[in-house]
Amino acid sequence: MEFSAEQIAGLINGRIIGDGSTVITGVSPIENGQQGHLSFVGQERFLPYIDTTDCAVLIVSESLLENKEYKPVIIAVEDAYLSFQVLMNLYQEMQGRKTGIEEGSFFHETAEVGENVYIGAFTYVSEKAKVGDNTQIYPHVYIGKGVKIGKNCKIDSGARIYDYCIVGDNCIIHSNTVVGGDGFGFQPTSEGFKKIPQLGNVVIEDHVEIGSNCSIDRATIGSTIIGKGTKIDNLIQIAHNVKIGENNVIAAQAGIAGSTVIGDWNQIGGQVGIVGHIKIGNQVKIQAQSGVNSAAKDGEVLYGSPAINYSDYRRNYVHFRHFTDIVKRIEELENKKSE
């Protein structure tokens, strides 16, 4: 598709500096800009690229602009990054949505489907499942018995949603994620570990996005809950009966053990491990590779394994780096004292 700088500026309420009739045919990163493409500058460190990029049009935050002439056409906005996001969302909507049930898919006669739904080939929709309006389910997806999927969702190829799980509106589940697999529950006996039935489900609330290759286990009884607006990266394990609040972000390879409760607006870094049966408050930040084995209060910043207050960890680490020298000095002092 082709758009003029003037058309783009109209979509994001921008101010044009240069030729508004300039046409763009694609987008690219400013550091690898291509002729006829659009990019953006939202941070000061990218300013030098304005004079060297081959991009034809740039969206730039007003606060970063200087009183000079620029080679590319500039669209000045309050926040370039947010404006660029608006454009990308509009472009995605313009690509259109697939609709219809493709040949080769299985759709049980008792399943219910809303309007403008897409069911891709080789997808299996089980009995009494419900799929809301405008939802897109791509090929090779499994939808279990009694599953409920809301409106405007996207379930990518290879995802599995097991029996009786619930997905809210405007959710995205990426490829090869499993929602509702059995929780890791076993009772030790004299004859070995006996499996405990996992009879609950998973409830995913509205506006949740789950990355690829994640596992979210069903509850033993009750529900494992992923709260509204939470964003989950790839390769994440969430165990049975975990309850995650609203608007959390959880980075790749994190693991949360069973029955832990996590509040709202938390930031959990990559490869973080959280033990079971504890409570994490609200607006907690957990740095990457931390191991959390005790409760965290609202607003805490944690680091290390086992994780402690971030500031304490940084202060202690300064001494840890010189630990051998410190021990040597103590031994020398003890020797002098004994003399």
Protein backbone atom coordinates (compact mmCIF):
# COMPACT_ATOMS: atom_id res chain seq x y z
CA MET A 1 0.00 0.00 0.00
CA GLU A 2 1.06 3.57 -0.64
CA PHE A 3 0.37 6.55 1.61
CA SER A 4 1.41 10.17 1.44
CA ALA A 5 3.03 11.95 4.36
CA GLU A 6 -0.06 14.17 4.50
CA GLN A 7 -2.37 11.16 4.86
CA ILE A 8 -0.20 9.72 7.63
CA ALA A 9 -0.06 13.03 9.47
CA GLY A 10 -3.86 13.19 9.37
CA LEU A 11 -4.14 9.79 11.02
CA ILE A 12 -1.89 10.72 13.95
CA ASN A 13 -2.61 14.45 14.21
CA GLY A 14 0.95 15.33 13.18
CA ARG A 15 2.59 18.53 11.88
CA ILE A 16 4.38 18.18 8.53
CA ILE A 17 7.82 19.66 7.94
CA GLY A 18 8.61 19.23 4.25
CA ASP A 19 6.71 17.91 1.24
CA GLY A 20 3.40 16.43 2.39
CA SER A 21 2.87 14.70 -0.96
CA THR A 22 5.89 12.44 -0.42
CA VAL A 23 4.77 8.81 -0.76
CA ILE A 24 5.89 5.91 1.42
CA THR A 25 5.59 2.25 0.42
CA GLY A 26 6.85 0.49 3.55
CA VAL A 27 8.40 0.80 6.99
CA SER A 28 11.90 0.03 8.29
CA PRO A 29 14.13 0.73 11.31
CA ILE A 30 15.72 4.16 11.05
CA GLU A 31 19.26 2.76 11.38
CA ASN A 32 18.60 0.52 8.35
CA GLY A 33 16.25 2.86 6.53
CA GLN A 34 15.24 2.19 2.95
CA GLN A 35 14.20 4.58 0.21
CA GLY A 36 10.49 5.26 0.20
CA HIS A 37 10.05 3.94 3.73
CA LEU A 38 8.67 5.35 6.97
CA SER A 39 10.34 5.21 10.38
CA PHE A 40 10.25 7.09 13.69
CA VAL A 41 12.49 8.80 16.24
CA GLY A 42 11.27 8.76 19.82
CA GLN A 43 14.57 8.88 21.72
CA GLU A 44 17.53 11.24 21.65
CA ARG A 45 20.02 8.46 20.88
CA PHE A 46 18.44 7.98 17.44
CA LEU A 47 18.74 11.65 16.42
CA PRO A 48 22.01 11.20 14.45
CA TYR A 49 20.22 8.82 12.07
CA ILE A 50 17.89 11.58 10.88
CA ASP A 51 20.71 13.02 8.75
CA THR A 52 21.91 9.66 7.41
CA THR A 53 18.83 7.48 6.96
CA ASP A 54 17.42 6.71 3.52
CA CYS A 55 13.85 6.79 4.87
CA ALA A 56 11.61 9.23 3.05
CA VAL A 57 9.42 10.16 6.03
CA LEU A 58 10.09 10.18 9.77
CA ILE A 59 7.72 10.53 12.68
CA VAL A 60 9.61 12.52 15.33
CA SER A 61 8.70 13.65 18.84
CA GLU A 62 8.35 17.45 18.96
CA SER A 63 10.71 17.72 21.94
CA LEU A 64 13.58 16.26 19.88
CA LEU A 65 13.33 18.58 16.90
CA GLU A 66 15.75 21.41 16.19
CA ASN A 67 15.19 24.59 14.21
CA LYS A 68 16.87 23.41 11.01
CA GLU A 69 16.20 21.77 7.68
CA TYR A 70 15.94 18.01 7.46
CA LYS A 71 16.51 15.73 4.47
CA PRO A 72 13.52 13.44 5.15
CA VAL A 73 10.00 14.73 5.50
CA ILE A 74 9.23 15.10 9.21
CA ILE A 75 5.89 14.45 10.86
CA ALA A 76 6.13 16.10 14.28
CA VAL A 77 4.01 14.58 17.05
CA GLU A 78 3.90 14.65 20.83
CA ASP A 79 5.12 11.06 21.21
CA ALA A 80 6.64 9.40 18.14
CA TYR A 81 6.66 5.88 19.58
CA LEU A 82 2.97 5.92 20.50
CA SER A 83 2.03 7.51 17.17
CA PHE A 84 3.93 4.82 15.29
CA GLN A 85 2.07 2.17 17.28
CA VAL A 86 -1.24 3.77 16.27
CA LEU A 87 -0.22 3.52 12.62
CA MET A 88 0.84 -0.11 12.92
CA ASN A 89 -2.49 -1.01 14.52
CA LEU A 90 -4.40 0.78 11.76
CA TYR A 91 -2.32 -0.95 9.10
CA GLN A 92 -2.99 -4.34 10.66
CA GLU A 93 -6.72 -3.67 10.68
CA MET A 94 -6.60 -2.68 7.01
CA GLN A 95 -5.14 -6.06 6.09
CA GLY A 96 -8.53 -7.54 6.87
CA ARG A 97 -9.54 -10.61 8.84
CA LYS A 98 -10.15 -14.07 7.52
CA THR A 99 -13.64 -15.46 7.98
CA GLY A 100 -15.29 -18.82 7.47
CA ILE A 101 -14.59 -22.42 8.40
CA GLU A 102 -11.91 -23.97 6.22
CA GLU A 103 -12.16 -27.43 4.71
CA GLY A 104 -10.46 -30.09 6.81
CA SER A 105 -11.39 -28.60 10.18
CA PHE A 106 -13.71 -30.42 12.61
CA PHE A 107 -16.51 -28.51 14.25
CA HIS A 108 -18.76 -30.47 16.61
CA GLU A 109 -22.47 -30.08 15.98
CA THR A 110 -23.07 -28.87 19.56
CA ALA A 111 -20.36 -26.21 19.37
CA GLU A 112 -21.44 -22.60 18.99
CA VAL A 113 -19.74 -20.01 16.81
CA GLY A 114 -20.35 -16.27 16.59
CA GLU A 115 -20.34 -13.99 13.57
CA ASN A 116 -17.31 -13.30 11.34
CA VAL A 117 -15.32 -16.14 12.89
CA TYR A 118 -12.40 -17.86 11.17
CA ILE A 119 -11.62 -21.54 11.84
CA GLY A 120 -8.47 -22.73 10.04
CA ALA A 121 -7.90 -26.11 8.43
CA PHE A 122 -7.18 -29.09 10.70
CA THR A 123 -8.48 -27.27 13.76
CA TYR A 124 -10.63 -29.34 16.13
CA VAL A 125 -13.50 -27.67 18.01
CA SER A 126 -15.00 -30.04 20.58
CA GLU A 127 -18.55 -30.48 21.82
CA LYS A 128 -20.26 -27.59 23.59
CA ALA A 129 -17.35 -25.24 22.90
CA LYS A 130 -18.24 -21.59 22.25
CA VAL A 131 -16.34 -19.17 20.02
CA GLY A 132 -17.23 -15.45 20.15
CA ASP A 133 -17.72 -12.96 17.32
CA ASN A 134 -14.73 -11.90 15.18
CA THR A 135 -12.40 -14.48 16.74
CA GLN A 136 -9.75 -16.07 14.55
CA ILE A 137 -8.55 -19.61 15.20
CA TYR A 138 -5.69 -20.63 12.94
CA PRO A 139 -4.91 -24.13 11.57
CA HIS A 140 -3.97 -27.04 13.83
CA VAL A 141 -5.55 -25.62 17.00
CA TYR A 142 -7.31 -27.88 19.52
CA ILE A 143 -10.33 -26.49 21.40
CA GLY A 144 -11.50 -28.84 24.14
CA LYS A 145 -14.93 -29.75 25.45
CA GLY A 146 -16.91 -26.87 26.93
CA VAL A 147 -14.21 -24.28 26.22
CA LYS A 148 -15.43 -20.69 25.99
CA ILE A 149 -13.52 -18.20 23.85
CA GLY A 150 -14.64 -14.58 23.79
CA LYS A 151 -14.88 -11.95 21.08
CA ASN A 152 -12.04 -10.54 18.93
CA CYS A 153 -9.53 -13.18 19.99
CA LYS A 154 -6.66 -14.65 18.00
CA ILE A 155 -5.53 -18.23 18.64
CA ASP A 156 -2.40 -19.01 16.66
CA SER A 157 -1.50 -22.25 14.95
CA GLY A 158 -0.72 -25.21 17.17
CA ALA A 159 -2.20 -23.84 20.41
CA ARG A 160 -4.11 -26.24 22.68
CA ILE A 161 -6.94 -25.15 24.98
CA TYR A 162 -8.13 -28.05 27.12
CA ASP A 163 -11.61 -28.86 28.43
CA TYR A 164 -13.68 -26.21 30.21
CA CYS A 165 -11.06 -23.45 30.10
CA ILE A 166 -12.29 -19.89 29.55
CA VAL A 167 -10.70 -17.19 27.41
CA GLY A 168 -12.05 -13.63 27.62
CA ASP A 169 -12.44 -10.98 24.93
CA ASN A 170 -9.58 -9.45 22.90
CA CYS A 171 -7.04 -12.10 23.88
CA ILE A 172 -4.09 -13.44 21.87
CA ILE A 173 -2.61 -16.90 22.40
CA HIS A 174 0.47 -17.61 20.31
CA SER A 175 1.58 -20.86 18.71
CA ASN A 176 2.14 -24.08 20.65
CA THR A 177 0.95 -22.75 23.99
CA VAL A 178 -1.03 -25.19 26.15
CA VAL A 179 -3.81 -23.83 28.34
CA GLY A 180 -5.30 -26.22 30.86
CA GLY A 181 -2.82 -29.08 31.00
CA ASP A 182 -2.74 -31.04 34.25
CA GLY A 183 -1.17 -29.38 37.25
CA PHE A 184 1.93 -31.08 38.67
CA GLY A 185 0.18 -32.82 41.54
CA PHE A 186 1.45 -36.14 42.95
CA GLN A 187 1.06 -37.77 46.37
CA PRO A 188 4.10 -39.75 47.60
CA THR A 189 3.21 -43.30 48.71
CA SER A 190 5.18 -46.41 49.59
CA GLU A 191 4.68 -47.56 46.02
CA GLY A 192 5.73 -44.31 44.37
CA PHE A 193 4.04 -41.05 43.43
CA LYS A 194 0.29 -41.26 42.91
CA LYS A 195 -1.29 -38.75 40.55
CA ILE A 196 -3.81 -36.33 42.07
CA PRO A 197 -6.70 -35.62 39.67
CA GLN A 198 -6.68 -32.06 38.33
CA LEU A 199 -10.36 -31.16 38.10
CA GLY A 200 -10.30 -27.35 37.80
CA ASN A 201 -9.75 -25.11 34.80
CA VAL A 202 -7.92 -22.00 33.59
CA VAL A 203 -9.65 -18.62 33.35
CA ILE A 204 -7.98 -16.03 31.11
CA GLU A 205 -9.56 -12.62 31.47
CA ASP A 206 -9.94 -9.88 28.81
CA HIS A 207 -7.04 -8.27 26.93
CA VAL A 208 -4.48 -10.92 27.87
CA GLU A 209 -1.65 -11.90 25.51
CA ILE A 210 0.24 -15.17 25.97
CA GLY A 211 3.42 -15.90 24.02
CA SER A 212 4.42 -19.09 22.27
CA ASN A 213 5.36 -22.38 23.97
CA CYS A 214 3.86 -21.47 27.36
CA SER A 215 2.15 -23.89 29.75
CA ILE A 216 -0.66 -22.71 31.99
CA ASP A 217 -1.87 -25.58 34.15
CA ARG A 218 -5.46 -26.16 35.21
CA ALA A 219 -6.27 -25.94 38.91
CA THR A 220 -6.57 -29.03 41.07
CA ILE A 221 -9.97 -27.64 42.04
CA GLY A 222 -11.19 -24.13 41.25
CA SER A 223 -9.35 -22.04 38.66
CA THR A 224 -5.90 -20.92 37.65
CA ILE A 225 -6.48 -17.24 36.81
CA ILE A 226 -4.67 -14.85 34.47
CA GLY A 227 -5.96 -11.33 35.18
CA LYS A 228 -7.17 -8.69 32.77
CA GLY A 229 -4.52 -6.94 30.67
CA THR A 230 -1.64 -9.23 31.68
CA LYS A 231 1.05 -9.91 29.07
CA ILE A 232 3.01 -13.16 29.17
CA ASP A 233 6.15 -13.71 27.10
CA ASN A 234 7.31 -16.98 25.49
CA LEU A 235 8.39 -20.15 27.31
CA ILE A 236 6.69 -19.49 30.64
CA GLN A 237 5.32 -22.04 33.12
CA ILE A 238 2.37 -21.11 35.34
CA ALA A 239 1.40 -23.89 37.73
CA HIS A 240 -1.97 -25.01 39.08
CA ASN A 241 -4.09 -22.65 41.17
CA VAL A 242 -1.82 -19.64 40.54
CA LYS A 243 -3.75 -16.38 40.56
CA ILE A 244 -2.23 -13.51 38.59
CA GLY A 245 -3.84 -10.08 38.87
CA GLU A 246 -4.32 -7.34 36.30
CA ASN A 247 -1.79 -5.67 33.99
CA ASN A 248 1.27 -7.73 34.88
CA VAL A 249 4.16 -8.31 32.47
CA ILE A 250 6.14 -11.54 32.73
CA ALA A 251 9.29 -12.03 30.63
CA ALA A 252 10.51 -15.23 28.97
CA GLN A 253 11.43 -18.43 30.82
CA ALA A 254 9.88 -17.39 34.12
CA GLY A 255 8.22 -20.03 36.27
CA ILE A 256 5.55 -19.61 38.94
CA ALA A 257 4.85 -22.53 41.26
CA GLY A 258 1.44 -23.67 42.46
CA SER A 259 -1.05 -21.58 44.45
CA THR A 260 1.04 -18.42 44.43
CA VAL A 261 -0.96 -15.19 44.26
CA ILE A 262 0.40 -12.23 42.28
CA GLY A 263 -1.16 -8.77 42.51
CA ASP A 264 -1.52 -6.03 39.89
CA TRP A 265 0.95 -4.04 37.76
CA ASN A 266 4.00 -6.19 38.55
CA GLN A 267 7.06 -6.57 36.31
CA ILE A 268 8.68 -10.02 36.40
CA GLY A 269 11.97 -10.40 34.54
CA GLY A 270 13.25 -13.27 32.42
CA GLN A 271 14.15 -16.59 34.08
CA VAL A 272 12.63 -15.55 37.39
CA GLY A 273 11.54 -18.45 39.59
CA ILE A 274 8.78 -17.96 42.18
CA VAL A 275 8.02 -20.66 44.76
CA GLY A 276 4.52 -21.82 45.54
CA HIS A 277 2.03 -20.68 48.17
CA ILE A 278 3.35 -17.12 48.58
CA LYS A 279 1.88 -13.71 47.79
CA ILE A 280 3.47 -11.04 45.60
CA GLY A 281 1.95 -7.59 46.14
CA ASN A 282 1.27 -4.82 43.63
CA GLN A 283 3.79 -2.87 41.53
CA VAL A 284 6.64 -5.20 42.46
CA LYS A 285 9.67 -5.40 40.17
CA ILE A 286 11.62 -8.67 40.11
CA GLN A 287 14.93 -8.50 38.26
CA ALA A 288 15.92 -11.22 35.76
CA GLN A 289 17.13 -14.60 37.10
CA SER A 290 15.95 -13.87 40.63
CA GLY A 291 14.67 -16.69 42.80
CA VAL A 292 11.76 -15.56 44.98
CA ASN A 293 11.07 -17.80 47.99
CA SER A 294 9.13 -15.45 50.27
CA ALA A 295 6.30 -12.95 50.01
CA ALA A 296 6.90 -9.48 48.51
CA LYS A 297 5.24 -6.29 49.68
CA ASP A 298 3.75 -3.62 47.41
CA GLY A 299 6.36 -1.63 45.50
CA GLU A 300 9.38 -3.79 46.36
CA VAL A 301 12.25 -4.29 43.90
CA LEU A 302 13.86 -7.73 44.24
CA TYR A 303 17.10 -9.19 42.94
CA GLY A 304 19.23 -12.27 43.47
CA SER A 305 18.70 -15.88 44.45
CA PRO A 306 17.21 -16.08 46.95
CA ALA A 307 15.86 -12.68 46.03
CA ILE A 308 16.33 -9.80 48.46
CA ASN A 309 15.76 -6.06 48.28
CA TYR A 310 17.44 -4.74 45.12
CA SER A 311 19.41 -1.96 46.90
CA ASP A 312 20.65 -4.38 49.58
CA TYR A 313 21.74 -6.83 46.88
CA ARG A 314 23.75 -4.19 45.01
CA ARG A 315 25.48 -3.00 48.20
CA ASN A 316 26.28 -6.54 49.31
CA TYR A 317 27.52 -7.57 45.88
CA VAL A 318 30.25 -4.90 46.04
CA HIS A 319 31.67 -6.73 49.08
CA PHE A 320 31.04 -10.19 47.63
CA ARG A 321 33.34 -9.45 44.68
CA HIS A 322 36.18 -8.91 47.17
CA PHE A 323 35.16 -11.68 49.54
CA THR A 324 38.45 -13.63 49.25
CA ASP A 325 40.50 -10.54 50.10
CA ILE A 326 38.22 -9.75 53.03
CA VAL A 327 38.62 -13.27 54.45
CA LYS A 328 42.39 -13.03 54.02
CA ARG A 329 42.50 -9.73 55.91
CA ILE A 330 40.40 -11.16 58.74
CA GLU A 331 42.73 -14.17 59.00
CA GLU A 332 45.77 -11.86 59.12
CA LEU A 333 44.16 -9.81 61.90
CA GLU A 334 43.33 -12.96 63.85
CA ASN A 335 46.93 -14.18 63.48
CA LYS A 336 48.30 -10.87 64.72
CA LYS A 337 45.90 -10.96 67.67
CA SER A 338 47.02 -14.48 68.65
CA GLU A 339 50.65 -13.37 68.61
